[in-house]
Protein backbone atom coordinates (compact mmCIF):
# COMPACT_ATOMS: atom_id res chain seq x y z
CA MET A 1 0.04 -0.13 0.06
CA ILE A 2 2.54 2.43 0.93
CA GLY A 3 4.86 1.40 -2.14
CA ARG A 4 1.57 2.01 -4.48
CA LEU A 5 1.08 5.51 -2.82
CA PHE A 6 4.77 6.27 -3.35
CA LEU A 7 4.79 5.09 -6.77
CA ALA A 8 1.64 6.93 -7.58
CA ALA A 9 3.02 10.34 -5.75
CA SER A 10 6.18 9.91 -7.58
CA LEU A 11 4.72 9.45 -11.18
CA ALA A 12 2.38 12.55 -10.58
CA LEU A 13 5.35 14.76 -9.58
CA LEU A 14 7.23 13.17 -12.66
CA VAL A 15 4.24 14.26 -14.61
CA ALA A 16 3.92 17.84 -13.39
CA CYS A 17 7.56 18.43 -13.65
CA GLY A 18 8.22 17.30 -17.33
CA SER A 19 4.84 18.64 -18.63
CA THR A 20 4.32 22.62 -19.63
CA PRO A 21 1.74 25.16 -18.40
CA GLN A 22 -1.16 24.87 -20.76
CA GLY A 23 -0.69 28.55 -22.03
CA LYS A 24 2.84 27.95 -22.23
CA VAL A 25 2.91 27.48 -26.35
CA ASP A 26 0.64 30.14 -26.93
CA ALA A 27 2.41 32.39 -24.95
CA ASP A 28 5.52 31.51 -27.01
CA GLN A 29 3.42 32.00 -30.09
CA ALA A 30 2.35 35.49 -28.56
CA GLN A 31 6.06 36.47 -28.26
CA SER A 32 7.12 35.40 -31.34
CA MET A 33 4.42 37.16 -33.22
CA ALA A 34 5.15 40.15 -31.34
CA ALA A 35 8.57 40.28 -32.07
CA GLN A 36 7.38 40.38 -35.95
CA GLU A 37 5.23 43.22 -34.95
CA ARG A 38 1.87 41.24 -35.76
CA TYR A 39 0.39 42.55 -32.53
CA ALA A 40 -3.26 41.33 -33.50
CA GLU A 41 -2.11 37.85 -33.75
CA ALA A 42 -0.01 38.00 -30.74
CA ILE A 43 -3.00 39.65 -28.51
CA ALA A 44 -5.23 36.71 -29.70
CA ALA A 45 -2.28 34.19 -28.94
CA ILE A 46 -1.74 35.53 -25.27
CA ASP A 47 -5.54 35.85 -24.84
CA ARG A 48 -5.92 31.91 -25.57
CA ALA A 49 -3.21 31.37 -23.18
CA ILE A 50 -4.93 33.86 -20.48
CA VAL A 51 -8.10 31.63 -21.05
CA LYS A 52 -5.83 28.53 -20.33
CA GLU A 53 -4.02 29.69 -17.08
CA PRO A 54 -6.56 32.45 -16.06
CA ARG A 55 -4.14 32.84 -12.52
CA ASN A 56 -1.02 33.45 -14.52
CA SER A 57 -0.54 37.04 -14.04
CA SER A 58 2.61 37.56 -16.34
CA TYR A 59 0.29 36.62 -19.26
CA LYS A 60 -1.81 39.56 -18.28
CA THR A 61 1.44 41.86 -17.99
CA ILE A 62 2.77 40.29 -21.47
CA ARG A 63 -0.79 41.15 -23.17
CA ALA A 64 -0.88 44.96 -21.67
CA GLN A 65 2.94 45.39 -23.26
CA PHE A 66 1.46 43.72 -26.41
CA VAL A 67 -1.72 46.51 -26.24
CA SER A 68 0.83 49.32 -25.64
CA SER A 69 3.26 48.61 -28.35
CA PHE A 70 0.12 48.18 -30.80
CA SER A 71 -1.03 51.42 -30.14
CA THR A 72 2.23 52.95 -30.51
CA ALA A 73 2.96 51.39 -34.06
CA VAL A 74 -0.39 52.32 -35.14
CA LYS A 75 -0.15 55.90 -33.85
CA ARG A 76 3.37 56.08 -35.68
CA ARG A 77 2.13 54.65 -38.72
CA VAL A 78 -0.85 57.14 -39.05
CA ALA A 79 1.46 60.09 -37.92
CA THR A 80 3.64 59.28 -41.15
CA GLU A 81 0.69 58.78 -43.37
CA LEU A 82 -0.49 62.11 -42.50
CA ALA A 83 2.86 63.91 -42.68
CA ALA A 84 3.69 62.48 -46.33
CA GLY A 85 0.57 64.29 -47.69
CA PRO A 86 -2.55 62.05 -46.91
CA SER A 87 -4.32 60.44 -50.17
CA LYS A 88 -7.35 58.42 -49.99
CA ALA A 89 -5.22 55.17 -49.91
CA ALA A 90 -3.24 56.69 -46.83
CA LEU A 91 -6.42 57.91 -45.08
CA ASP A 92 -8.09 54.38 -45.61
CA GLY A 93 -5.19 52.60 -44.45
CA ALA A 94 -4.94 54.87 -41.53
CA GLU A 95 -8.49 53.83 -40.54
CA GLU A 96 -8.13 50.41 -41.13
CA ALA A 97 -4.97 50.49 -38.94
CA ILE A 98 -6.95 51.98 -36.18
CA ALA A 99 -9.89 49.38 -36.62
CA ALA A 100 -7.78 46.54 -36.61
CA ALA A 101 -6.09 47.71 -33.26
CA THR A 102 -9.39 48.33 -31.72
CA ALA A 103 -10.67 45.01 -32.33
CA ALA A 104 -7.71 43.61 -31.15
CA GLY A 105 -8.19 45.01 -27.65
CA VAL A 106 -6.60 48.37 -27.79
CA PRO A 107 -9.06 50.86 -26.18
CA ALA A 108 -10.56 53.04 -29.07
CA GLU A 109 -9.74 56.32 -26.31
CA GLU A 110 -6.13 55.79 -27.37
CA PHE A 111 -7.09 57.01 -30.71
CA SER A 112 -9.00 59.69 -30.38
CA THR A 113 -7.00 62.33 -31.31
CA ILE A 114 -5.15 60.69 -34.18
CA SER A 115 -8.79 59.38 -35.49
CA GLU A 116 -9.60 63.49 -35.28
CA ARG A 117 -6.57 64.34 -37.23
CA VAL A 118 -7.31 61.28 -40.01
CA ALA A 119 -10.93 62.94 -40.26
CA GLN A 120 -9.78 66.33 -40.66
CA ALA A 121 -7.24 65.31 -43.44
CA ARG A 122 -10.14 63.41 -45.17
CA GLN A 123 -12.23 66.39 -44.93
CA ALA A 124 -9.32 68.81 -46.44
CA LEU A 125 -8.59 66.29 -48.84
CA ILE A 126 -12.48 65.96 -50.02
CA ALA A 127 -12.30 69.86 -49.92
CA GLY A 128 -9.24 70.20 -52.08
CA LEU A 129 -10.54 67.66 -54.43
CA ALA A 130 -14.19 69.95 -54.74
CA GLY A 131 -12.22 72.85 -55.34
CA ASP A 132 -9.90 71.16 -57.89
CA TYR A 133 -13.13 69.82 -59.93
CA GLN A 134 -14.78 73.31 -59.34
CA ALA A 135 -11.90 74.93 -60.90
CA GLY A 136 -11.88 72.58 -63.77
CA VAL A 137 -15.34 73.15 -64.49
CA THR A 138 -14.95 76.80 -64.33
CA ALA A 139 -12.02 76.77 -66.78
CA ARG A 140 -13.50 74.58 -68.94
CA SER A 141 -16.93 76.82 -69.02
CA GLU A 142 -14.87 80.12 -69.75
CA GLU A 143 -13.12 77.83 -72.56
CA HIS A 144 -16.24 76.82 -74.19
CA THR A 145 -17.47 80.64 -73.84
CA SER A 146 -14.55 81.97 -75.71
CA GLU A 147 -14.79 79.24 -77.99
CA LEU A 148 -18.50 80.46 -78.97
CA GLN A 149 -17.49 83.77 -79.24
CA SER A 150 -14.32 83.50 -81.52
CA PRO A 151 -14.77 85.14 -84.70
CA CYS A 152 -14.83 82.29 -86.39
CA ASN A 153 -17.62 80.77 -84.65
CA LEU A 154 -19.32 84.13 -84.94
CA VAL A 155 -18.76 84.35 -88.97
CA CYS A 156 -19.21 80.82 -89.68
CA ARG A 157 -22.72 80.57 -87.81
């Protein structure tokens, strides 16, 4: 009886020492993804680790770091896009990056200022295009009017 109990305890200890925590694989994947700046995937992987090991506070700390890094990367990208002279594609990309970060768990409040700058840049772009369009219409109208008033058109009609 004592031998069996000792054997069972030894086997349980051996299994416990030889096994890895359930979330470690996910946490390791998360670290690898974050190193490649694939933050949305890294946050999803660390979330899986947290579900598997909810008492592991280091996973929650790692997640907070990923969220912060993701936020910083998105803000840097958007600032670069805005500084380069925004285009529709750049503004769409900035909005998509912000949406991906918030979907991954970065609080939307992190992006309130930069989202406002993107919206203002989009309005300025649209206003500029509308002005260019109107200038083109005006130029074309003046060109057409001058063609109608040319001596050839007056004599030929």
